[in-house]
Amino acid sequence: MGEGLADHRSEFIANGREWRTAPLWGIGYTKEVNADGTYLHDGRARTLMEAVLWHGGEADGAKQRVLAMPKADRDALIAFLRSL
């Protein structure tokens, strides 16, 4: 996920720069369950788009594609995530 998200703590066979992404089921309910709810493995992202922007490393290409999207498409992506 890149150095920006690294916590430098290993867990089992994963080093401090690797994570298993949790399923996104129910992510759209995060703010309904907890108005102060946050995203990413350590809660550093306040919004779904901020979570996308934190990604680097292997995910940098996907992040760049999201950034290159027209605003309407980015809004549709976030709406889709909130529907999960």
C-alpha atoms as a PDB file:
ATOM      1  CA  MET A   1       0.000   0.000   0.000  1.00  0.00           C
ATOM      2  CA  GLY A   2       3.068   2.168   0.016  1.00  0.00           C
ATOM      3  CA  GLU A   3       5.192   3.988   2.526  1.00  0.00           C
ATOM      4  CA  GLY A   4       2.448   6.556   3.234  1.00  0.00           C
ATOM      5  CA  LEU A   5       0.269   3.894   4.864  1.00  0.00           C
ATOM      6  CA  ALA A   6       3.075   1.853   6.411  1.00  0.00           C
ATOM      7  CA  ASP A   7       2.904   1.347  10.145  1.00  0.00           C
ATOM      8  CA  HIS A   8       6.141  -0.714  10.217  1.00  0.00           C
ATOM      9  CA  ARG A   9       4.544  -3.393  12.383  1.00  0.00           C
ATOM     10  CA  SER A  10       4.674  -6.918  11.037  1.00  0.00           C
ATOM     11  CA  GLU A  11       1.790  -9.275  11.562  1.00  0.00           C
ATOM     12  CA  PHE A  12       2.244 -12.985  10.872  1.00  0.00           C
ATOM     13  CA  ILE A  13       3.901 -13.082   7.404  1.00  0.00           C
ATOM     14  CA  ALA A  14       2.917  -9.531   6.368  1.00  0.00           C
ATOM     15  CA  ASN A  15       5.452  -6.786   6.871  1.00  0.00           C
ATOM     16  CA  GLY A  16       4.563  -3.267   8.021  1.00  0.00           C
ATOM     17  CA  ARG A  17       3.807  -2.148   4.457  1.00  0.00           C
ATOM     18  CA  GLU A  18       1.357  -4.944   3.617  1.00  0.00           C
ATOM     19  CA  TRP A  19      -2.299  -5.415   4.573  1.00  0.00           C
ATOM     20  CA  ARG A  20      -5.175  -7.615   3.650  1.00  0.00           C
ATOM     21  CA  THR A  21      -7.951  -5.307   2.543  1.00  0.00           C
ATOM     22  CA  ALA A  22     -11.059  -6.045   4.519  1.00  0.00           C
ATOM     23  CA  PRO A  23     -14.255  -6.638   2.524  1.00  0.00           C
ATOM     24  CA  LEU A  24     -16.079  -3.392   1.764  1.00  0.00           C
ATOM     25  CA  TRP A  25     -19.514  -4.824   2.600  1.00  0.00           C
ATOM     26  CA  GLY A  26     -21.331  -2.343   4.777  1.00  0.00           C
ATOM     27  CA  ILE A  27     -18.816   0.479   4.296  1.00  0.00           C
ATOM     28  CA  GLY A  28     -21.712   2.741   3.344  1.00  0.00           C
ATOM     29  CA  TYR A  29     -23.045   2.463   6.897  1.00  0.00           C
ATOM     30  CA  THR A  30     -19.838   3.681   8.549  1.00  0.00           C
ATOM     31  CA  LYS A  31     -21.056   7.235   9.164  1.00  0.00           C
ATOM     32  CA  GLU A  32     -24.580   6.071  10.074  1.00  0.00           C
ATOM     33  CA  VAL A  33     -23.232   3.818  12.794  1.00  0.00           C
ATOM     34  CA  ASN A  34     -20.680   6.348  14.034  1.00  0.00           C
ATOM     35  CA  ALA A  35     -20.787   9.946  12.795  1.00  0.00           C
ATOM     36  CA  ASP A  36     -17.071  10.190  13.576  1.00  0.00           C
ATOM     37  CA  GLY A  37     -16.314   6.920  11.770  1.00  0.00           C
ATOM     38  CA  THR A  38     -13.130   6.814   9.741  1.00  0.00           C
ATOM     39  CA  TYR A  39     -11.586   4.630   7.049  1.00  0.00           C
ATOM     40  CA  LEU A  40      -8.415   2.627   6.376  1.00  0.00           C
ATOM     41  CA  HIS A  41      -6.788   0.097   8.663  1.00  0.00           C
ATOM     42  CA  ASP A  42      -5.891   2.751  11.207  1.00  0.00           C
ATOM     43  CA  GLY A  43      -8.708   5.261  10.757  1.00  0.00           C
ATOM     44  CA  ARG A  44      -6.574   8.029   9.301  1.00  0.00           C
ATOM     45  CA  ALA A  45      -8.960   8.795   6.405  1.00  0.00           C
ATOM     46  CA  ARG A  46     -12.013  10.889   7.227  1.00  0.00           C
ATOM     47  CA  THR A  47     -13.745  10.281   3.884  1.00  0.00           C
ATOM     48  CA  LEU A  48     -13.821   7.546   1.270  1.00  0.00           C
ATOM     49  CA  MET A  49     -12.026   9.786  -1.241  1.00  0.00           C
ATOM     50  CA  GLU A  50      -9.345  10.563   1.321  1.00  0.00           C
ATOM     51  CA  ALA A  51      -8.901   6.801   1.778  1.00  0.00           C
ATOM     52  CA  VAL A  52      -8.331   6.457  -1.970  1.00  0.00           C
ATOM     53  CA  LEU A  53      -5.788   9.291  -1.921  1.00  0.00           C
ATOM     54  CA  TRP A  54      -3.729   7.675   0.860  1.00  0.00           C
ATOM     55  CA  HIS A  55      -2.979   4.652  -1.330  1.00  0.00           C
ATOM     56  CA  GLY A  56       0.442   4.217  -2.914  1.00  0.00           C
ATOM     57  CA  GLY A  57       2.716   1.324  -3.790  1.00  0.00           C
ATOM     58  CA  GLU A  58       0.850  -1.354  -5.749  1.00  0.00           C
ATOM     59  CA  ALA A  59      -2.354   0.698  -5.499  1.00  0.00           C
ATOM     60  CA  ASP A  60      -0.866   3.882  -6.965  1.00  0.00           C
ATOM     61  CA  GLY A  61      -2.034   3.045 -10.487  1.00  0.00           C
ATOM     62  CA  ALA A  62      -5.620   2.631  -9.317  1.00  0.00           C
ATOM     63  CA  LYS A  63      -5.392   5.885  -7.353  1.00  0.00           C
ATOM     64  CA  GLN A  64      -4.105   7.701 -10.434  1.00  0.00           C
ATOM     65  CA  ARG A  65      -7.003   6.345 -12.515  1.00  0.00           C
ATOM     66  CA  VAL A  66      -9.481   7.627  -9.933  1.00  0.00           C
ATOM     67  CA  LEU A  67      -7.786  11.038  -9.952  1.00  0.00           C
ATOM     68  CA  ALA A  68      -7.974  11.133 -13.757  1.00  0.00           C
ATOM     69  CA  MET A  69     -11.732  10.478 -13.746  1.00  0.00           C
ATOM     70  CA  PRO A  70     -14.124  13.324 -14.461  1.00  0.00           C
ATOM     71  CA  LYS A  71     -15.677  14.628 -11.239  1.00  0.00           C
ATOM     72  CA  ALA A  72     -19.036  13.076 -12.113  1.00  0.00           C
ATOM     73  CA  ASP A  73     -17.391   9.640 -12.373  1.00  0.00           C
ATOM     74  CA  ARG A  74     -15.543  10.083  -9.057  1.00  0.00           C
ATOM     75  CA  ASP A  75     -18.838  11.094  -7.434  1.00  0.00           C
ATOM     76  CA  ALA A  76     -20.486   7.995  -8.935  1.00  0.00           C
ATOM     77  CA  LEU A  77     -17.678   5.816  -7.548  1.00  0.00           C
ATOM     78  CA  ILE A  78     -18.145   7.230  -4.044  1.00  0.00           C
ATOM     79  CA  ALA A  79     -21.933   6.807  -4.373  1.00  0.00           C
ATOM     80  CA  PHE A  80     -21.356   3.179  -5.324  1.00  0.00           C
ATOM     81  CA  LEU A  81     -19.100   2.592  -2.307  1.00  0.00           C
ATOM     82  CA  ARG A  82     -21.714   4.153  -0.044  1.00  0.00           C
ATOM     83  CA  SER A  83     -24.297   1.743  -1.499  1.00  0.00           C
ATOM     84  CA  LEU A  84     -22.344  -1.284  -0.300  1.00  0.00           C
END
